[in-house]
Amino acid sequence: MEKAYRATANPMHVSEECIMHREKRNGIDVVHDEVERQLTKEVDVIKQCQDRMKKTIAKAHAQLK
């Protein structure tokens, strides 16, 4: 589970970086389109999964004690 949690770091970084680059656009290039909505959704889903994994890891550690 811990390995899976660590494996989410790279996809999260890529998605956040894409959003950051989109936010740097100027003038008519600034658009709030389906791609941006999907990137934001992807970040939210990854964060939710990370939170669930953290809770599961914490429960597993507690049970092992």
PDB file of N, CA and C in Angstrom:
ATOM      1  N   MET A   1       0.830  -1.181   0.000  1.00  0.00           N
ATOM      2  CA  MET A   1       0.000   0.000   0.000  1.00  0.00           C
ATOM      3  C   MET A   1       0.881   1.254   0.000  1.00  0.00           C
ATOM      4  N   GLU A   2       1.957   1.191   0.776  1.00  0.00           N
ATOM      5  CA  GLU A   2       2.859   2.347   0.820  1.00  0.00           C
ATOM      6  C   GLU A   2       3.515   2.589  -0.537  1.00  0.00           C
ATOM      7  N   LYS A   3       3.821   1.511  -1.228  1.00  0.00           N
ATOM      8  CA  LYS A   3       4.412   1.635  -2.568  1.00  0.00           C
ATOM      9  C   LYS A   3       3.406   2.262  -3.527  1.00  0.00           C
ATOM     10  N   ALA A   4       2.153   1.862  -3.429  1.00  0.00           N
ATOM     11  CA  ALA A   4       1.101   2.437  -4.278  1.00  0.00           C
ATOM     12  C   ALA A   4       0.924   3.922  -3.969  1.00  0.00           C
ATOM     13  N   TYR A   5       0.991   4.263  -2.694  1.00  0.00           N
ATOM     14  CA  TYR A   5       0.877   5.665  -2.295  1.00  0.00           C
ATOM     15  C   TYR A   5       2.010   6.497  -2.917  1.00  0.00           C
ATOM     16  N   ARG A   6       3.223   5.985  -2.819  1.00  0.00           N
ATOM     17  CA  ARG A   6       4.366   6.703  -3.403  1.00  0.00           C
ATOM     18  C   ARG A   6       4.243   6.813  -4.922  1.00  0.00           C
ATOM     19  N   ALA A   7       3.618   5.819  -5.538  1.00  0.00           N
ATOM     20  CA  ALA A   7       3.470   5.814  -6.996  1.00  0.00           C
ATOM     21  C   ALA A   7       2.506   6.895  -7.491  1.00  0.00           C
ATOM     22  N   THR A   8       1.706   7.462  -6.600  1.00  0.00           N
ATOM     23  CA  THR A   8       0.778   8.520  -7.012  1.00  0.00           C
ATOM     24  C   THR A   8       1.454   9.882  -7.080  1.00  0.00           C
ATOM     25  N   ALA A   9       2.653   9.998  -6.576  1.00  0.00           N
ATOM     26  CA  ALA A   9       3.345  11.292  -6.532  1.00  0.00           C
ATOM     27  C   ALA A   9       3.636  11.834  -7.941  1.00  0.00           C
ATOM     28  N   ASN A  10       4.118  10.990  -8.833  1.00  0.00           N
ATOM     29  CA  ASN A  10       4.473  11.458 -10.174  1.00  0.00           C
ATOM     30  C   ASN A  10       3.248  11.890 -10.988  1.00  0.00           C
ATOM     31  N   PRO A  11       2.180  11.095 -11.046  1.00  0.00           N
ATOM     32  CA  PRO A  11       0.996  11.564 -11.782  1.00  0.00           C
ATOM     33  C   PRO A  11       0.431  12.871 -11.197  1.00  0.00           C
ATOM     34  N   MET A  12       0.478  13.006  -9.879  1.00  0.00           N
ATOM     35  CA  MET A  12      -0.003  14.231  -9.246  1.00  0.00           C
ATOM     36  C   MET A  12       0.855  15.417  -9.677  1.00  0.00           C
ATOM     37  N   HIS A  13       2.166  15.218  -9.690  1.00  0.00           N
ATOM     38  CA  HIS A  13       3.084  16.288 -10.086  1.00  0.00           C
ATOM     39  C   HIS A  13       2.835  16.705 -11.537  1.00  0.00           C
ATOM     40  N   VAL A  14       2.658  15.751 -12.409  1.00  0.00           N
ATOM     41  CA  VAL A  14       2.431  16.043 -13.828  1.00  0.00           C
ATOM     42  C   VAL A  14       1.138  16.831 -14.018  1.00  0.00           C
ATOM     43  N   SER A  15       0.073  16.391 -13.374  1.00  0.00           N
ATOM     44  CA  SER A  15      -1.212  17.082 -13.499  1.00  0.00           C
ATOM     45  C   SER A  15      -1.148  18.501 -12.962  1.00  0.00           C
ATOM     46  N   GLU A  16      -0.525  18.668 -11.796  1.00  0.00           N
ATOM     47  CA  GLU A  16      -0.403  20.005 -11.207  1.00  0.00           C
ATOM     48  C   GLU A  16       0.462  20.910 -12.077  1.00  0.00           C
ATOM     49  N   GLU A  17       1.510  20.344 -12.669  1.00  0.00           N
ATOM     50  CA  GLU A  17       2.380  21.128 -13.540  1.00  0.00           C
ATOM     51  C   GLU A  17       1.628  21.574 -14.801  1.00  0.00           C
ATOM     52  N   CYS A  18       0.798  20.701 -15.360  1.00  0.00           N
ATOM     53  CA  CYS A  18      -0.007  21.070 -16.530  1.00  0.00           C
ATOM     54  C   CYS A  18      -0.960  22.214 -16.192  1.00  0.00           C
ATOM     55  N   ILE A  19      -1.585  22.132 -15.043  1.00  0.00           N
ATOM     56  CA  ILE A  19      -2.490  23.201 -14.607  1.00  0.00           C
ATOM     57  C   ILE A  19      -1.715  24.503 -14.430  1.00  0.00           C
ATOM     58  N   MET A  20      -0.537  24.408 -13.831  1.00  0.00           N
ATOM     59  CA  MET A  20       0.285  25.592 -13.612  1.00  0.00           C
ATOM     60  C   MET A  20       0.652  26.258 -14.944  1.00  0.00           C
ATOM     61  N   HIS A  21       1.025  25.468 -15.929  1.00  0.00           N
ATOM     62  CA  HIS A  21       1.383  26.020 -17.242  1.00  0.00           C
ATOM     63  C   HIS A  21       0.175  26.657 -17.919  1.00  0.00           C
ATOM     64  N   ARG A  22      -0.994  26.070 -17.744  1.00  0.00           N
ATOM     65  CA  ARG A  22      -2.210  26.640 -18.322  1.00  0.00           C
ATOM     66  C   ARG A  22      -2.537  27.982 -17.665  1.00  0.00           C
ATOM     67  N   GLU A  23      -2.257  28.111 -16.371  1.00  0.00           N
ATOM     68  CA  GLU A  23      -2.543  29.350 -15.658  1.00  0.00           C
ATOM     69  C   GLU A  23      -1.620  30.488 -16.074  1.00  0.00           C
ATOM     70  N   LYS A  24      -0.479  30.165 -16.638  1.00  0.00           N
ATOM     71  CA  LYS A  24       0.484  31.186 -17.072  1.00  0.00           C
ATOM     72  C   LYS A  24       0.139  31.796 -18.424  1.00  0.00           C
ATOM     73  N   ARG A  25      -0.899  31.298 -19.062  1.00  0.00           N
ATOM     74  CA  ARG A  25      -1.284  31.814 -20.377  1.00  0.00           C
ATOM     75  C   ARG A  25      -1.765  33.256 -20.265  1.00  0.00           C
ATOM     76  N   ASN A  26      -1.619  33.991 -21.368  1.00  0.00           N
ATOM     77  CA  ASN A  26      -2.011  35.398 -21.403  1.00  0.00           C
ATOM     78  C   ASN A  26      -3.061  35.652 -22.478  1.00  0.00           C
ATOM     79  N   GLY A  27      -3.825  36.704 -22.284  1.00  0.00           N
ATOM     80  CA  GLY A  27      -4.753  37.189 -23.303  1.00  0.00           C
ATOM     81  C   GLY A  27      -5.777  36.169 -23.736  1.00  0.00           C
ATOM     82  N   ILE A  28      -5.901  36.024 -25.053  1.00  0.00           N
ATOM     83  CA  ILE A  28      -6.928  35.133 -25.601  1.00  0.00           C
ATOM     84  C   ILE A  28      -6.599  33.660 -25.398  1.00  0.00           C
ATOM     85  N   ASP A  29      -5.367  33.373 -24.990  1.00  0.00           N
ATOM     86  CA  ASP A  29      -4.985  31.981 -24.739  1.00  0.00           C
ATOM     87  C   ASP A  29      -5.557  31.453 -23.426  1.00  0.00           C
ATOM     88  N   VAL A  30      -6.046  32.368 -22.577  1.00  0.00           N
ATOM     89  CA  VAL A  30      -6.621  31.947 -21.297  1.00  0.00           C
ATOM     90  C   VAL A  30      -8.028  31.416 -21.555  1.00  0.00           C
ATOM     91  N   VAL A  31      -8.195  30.122 -21.379  1.00  0.00           N
ATOM     92  CA  VAL A  31      -9.505  29.506 -21.564  1.00  0.00           C
ATOM     93  C   VAL A  31      -9.760  28.519 -20.425  1.00  0.00           C
ATOM     94  N   HIS A  32     -11.007  28.392 -20.073  1.00  0.00           N
ATOM     95  CA  HIS A  32     -11.403  27.390 -19.080  1.00  0.00           C
ATOM     96  C   HIS A  32     -12.225  26.355 -19.838  1.00  0.00           C
ATOM     97  N   ASP A  33     -11.507  25.370 -20.378  1.00  0.00           N
ATOM     98  CA  ASP A  33     -12.137  24.380 -21.241  1.00  0.00           C
ATOM     99  C   ASP A  33     -12.227  23.017 -20.557  1.00  0.00           C
ATOM    100  N   GLU A  34     -12.664  22.050 -21.327  1.00  0.00           N
ATOM    101  CA  GLU A  34     -12.842  20.699 -20.801  1.00  0.00           C
ATOM    102  C   GLU A  34     -11.520  20.096 -20.330  1.00  0.00           C
ATOM    103  N   VAL A  35     -10.432  20.415 -21.000  1.00  0.00           N
ATOM    104  CA  VAL A  35      -9.118  19.896 -20.605  1.00  0.00           C
ATOM    105  C   VAL A  35      -8.768  20.372 -19.203  1.00  0.00           C
ATOM    106  N   GLU A  36      -8.974  21.649 -18.945  1.00  0.00           N
ATOM    107  CA  GLU A  36      -8.673  22.188 -17.617  1.00  0.00           C
ATOM    108  C   GLU A  36      -9.570  21.555 -16.556  1.00  0.00           C
ATOM    109  N   ARG A  37     -10.834  21.392 -16.870  1.00  0.00           N
ATOM    110  CA  ARG A  37     -11.760  20.760 -15.920  1.00  0.00           C
ATOM    111  C   ARG A  37     -11.331  19.328 -15.620  1.00  0.00           C
ATOM    112  N   GLN A  38     -10.897  18.611 -16.629  1.00  0.00           N
ATOM    113  CA  GLN A  38     -10.469  17.227 -16.433  1.00  0.00           C
ATOM    114  C   GLN A  38      -9.151  17.148 -15.633  1.00  0.00           C
ATOM    115  N   LEU A  39      -8.244  18.081 -15.887  1.00  0.00           N
ATOM    116  CA  LEU A  39      -6.998  18.111 -15.112  1.00  0.00           C
ATOM    117  C   LEU A  39      -7.301  18.378 -13.639  1.00  0.00           C
ATOM    118  N   THR A  40      -8.198  19.312 -13.382  1.00  0.00           N
ATOM    119  CA  THR A  40      -8.583  19.628 -12.006  1.00  0.00           C
ATOM    120  C   THR A  40      -9.256  18.421 -11.357  1.00  0.00           C
ATOM    121  N   LYS A  41     -10.108  17.755 -12.111  1.00  0.00           N
ATOM    122  CA  LYS A  41     -10.781  16.560 -11.607  1.00  0.00           C
ATOM    123  C   LYS A  41      -9.763  15.463 -11.294  1.00  0.00           C
ATOM    124  N   GLU A  42      -8.774  15.323 -12.169  1.00  0.00           N
ATOM    125  CA  GLU A  42      -7.727  14.308 -11.975  1.00  0.00           C
ATOM    126  C   GLU A  42      -6.955  14.564 -10.683  1.00  0.00           C
ATOM    127  N   VAL A  43      -6.597  15.811 -10.443  1.00  0.00           N
ATOM    128  CA  VAL A  43      -5.891  16.171  -9.215  1.00  0.00           C
ATOM    129  C   VAL A  43      -6.758  15.847  -8.001  1.00  0.00           C
ATOM    130  N   ASP A  44      -8.030  16.184  -8.060  1.00  0.00           N
ATOM    131  CA  ASP A  44      -8.947  15.902  -6.949  1.00  0.00           C
ATOM    132  C   ASP A  44      -9.058  14.405  -6.680  1.00  0.00           C
ATOM    133  N   VAL A  45      -9.165  13.619  -7.737  1.00  0.00           N
ATOM    134  CA  VAL A  45      -9.283  12.165  -7.583  1.00  0.00           C
ATOM    135  C   VAL A  45      -8.005  11.588  -6.977  1.00  0.00           C
ATOM    136  N   ILE A  46      -6.860  12.047  -7.440  1.00  0.00           N
ATOM    137  CA  ILE A  46      -5.591  11.543  -6.903  1.00  0.00           C
ATOM    138  C   ILE A  46      -5.480  11.898  -5.421  1.00  0.00           C
ATOM    139  N   LYS A  47      -5.862  13.129  -5.055  1.00  0.00           N
ATOM    140  CA  LYS A  47      -5.814  13.534  -3.645  1.00  0.00           C
ATOM    141  C   LYS A  47      -6.739  12.674  -2.791  1.00  0.00           C
ATOM    142  N   GLN A  48      -7.927  12.387  -3.293  1.00  0.00           N
ATOM    143  CA  GLN A  48      -8.862  11.532  -2.557  1.00  0.00           C
ATOM    144  C   GLN A  48      -8.280  10.132  -2.366  1.00  0.00           C
ATOM    145  N   CYS A  49      -7.685   9.607  -3.413  1.00  0.00           N
ATOM    146  CA  CYS A  49      -7.067   8.276  -3.327  1.00  0.00           C
ATOM    147  C   CYS A  49      -5.907   8.278  -2.337  1.00  0.00           C
ATOM    148  N   GLN A  50      -5.100   9.335  -2.373  1.00  0.00           N
ATOM    149  CA  GLN A  50      -3.991   9.439  -1.434  1.00  0.00           C
ATOM    150  C   GLN A  50      -4.493   9.488   0.006  1.00  0.00           C
ATOM    151  N   ASP A  51      -5.555  10.246   0.244  1.00  0.00           N
ATOM    152  CA  ASP A  51      -6.119  10.317   1.590  1.00  0.00           C
ATOM    153  C   ASP A  51      -6.603   8.948   2.064  1.00  0.00           C
ATOM    154  N   ARG A  52      -7.287   8.221   1.180  1.00  0.00           N
ATOM    155  CA  ARG A  52      -7.766   6.880   1.536  1.00  0.00           C
ATOM    156  C   ARG A  52      -6.609   5.944   1.823  1.00  0.00           C
ATOM    157  N   MET A  53      -5.563   6.039   1.008  1.00  0.00           N
ATOM    158  CA  MET A  53      -4.393   5.179   1.222  1.00  0.00           C
ATOM    159  C   MET A  53      -3.715   5.511   2.538  1.00  0.00           C
ATOM    160  N   LYS A  54      -3.596   6.809   2.864  1.00  0.00           N
ATOM    161  CA  LYS A  54      -2.990   7.204   4.143  1.00  0.00           C
ATOM    162  C   LYS A  54      -3.761   6.606   5.315  1.00  0.00           C
ATOM    163  N   LYS A  55      -5.095   6.693   5.244  1.00  0.00           N
ATOM    164  CA  LYS A  55      -5.922   6.141   6.321  1.00  0.00           C
ATOM    165  C   LYS A  55      -5.750   4.631   6.431  1.00  0.00           C
ATOM    166  N   THR A  56      -5.700   3.956   5.289  1.00  0.00           N
ATOM    167  CA  THR A  56      -5.534   2.508   5.287  1.00  0.00           C
ATOM    168  C   THR A  56      -4.167   2.122   5.843  1.00  0.00           C
ATOM    169  N   ILE A  57      -3.143   2.862   5.465  1.00  0.00           N
ATOM    170  CA  ILE A  57      -1.795   2.595   5.972  1.00  0.00           C
ATOM    171  C   ILE A  57      -1.754   2.808   7.476  1.00  0.00           C
ATOM    172  N   ALA A  58      -2.380   3.884   7.950  1.00  0.00           N
ATOM    173  CA  ALA A  58      -2.407   4.166   9.389  1.00  0.00           C
ATOM    174  C   ALA A  58      -3.138   3.054  10.141  1.00  0.00           C
ATOM    175  N   LYS A  59      -4.252   2.565   9.586  1.00  0.00           N
ATOM    176  CA  LYS A  59      -4.986   1.470  10.222  1.00  0.00           C
ATOM    177  C   LYS A  59      -4.144   0.199  10.265  1.00  0.00           C
ATOM    178  N   ALA A  60      -3.436  -0.076   9.170  1.00  0.00           N
ATOM    179  CA  ALA A  60      -2.597  -1.265   9.121  1.00  0.00           C
ATOM    180  C   ALA A  60      -1.484  -1.199  10.156  1.00  0.00           C
ATOM    181  N   HIS A  61      -0.874  -0.038  10.286  1.00  0.00           N
ATOM    182  CA  HIS A  61       0.194   0.132  11.288  1.00  0.00           C
ATOM    183  C   HIS A  61      -0.379  -0.049  12.695  1.00  0.00           C
ATOM    184  N   ALA A  62      -1.573   0.502  12.925  1.00  0.00           N
ATOM    185  CA  ALA A  62      -2.204   0.363  14.245  1.00  0.00           C
ATOM    186  C   ALA A  62      -2.506  -1.110  14.548  1.00  0.00           C
ATOM    187  N   GLN A  63      -2.972  -1.844  13.541  1.00  0.00           N
ATOM    188  CA  GLN A  63      -3.284  -3.258  13.747  1.00  0.00           C
ATOM    189  C   GLN A  63      -2.026  -4.081  13.990  1.00  0.00           C
ATOM    190  N   LEU A  64      -0.936  -3.687  13.358  1.00  0.00           N
ATOM    191  CA  LEU A  64       0.316  -4.430  13.533  1.00  0.00           C
ATOM    192  C   LEU A  64       0.889  -4.235  14.942  1.00  0.00           C
ATOM    193  N   LYS A  65       0.558  -3.107  15.548  1.00  0.00           N
ATOM    194  CA  LYS A  65       1.040  -2.855  16.913  1.00  0.00           C
ATOM    195  C   LYS A  65       0.247  -3.693  17.873  1.00  0.00           C
TER     196      LYS A  65
END
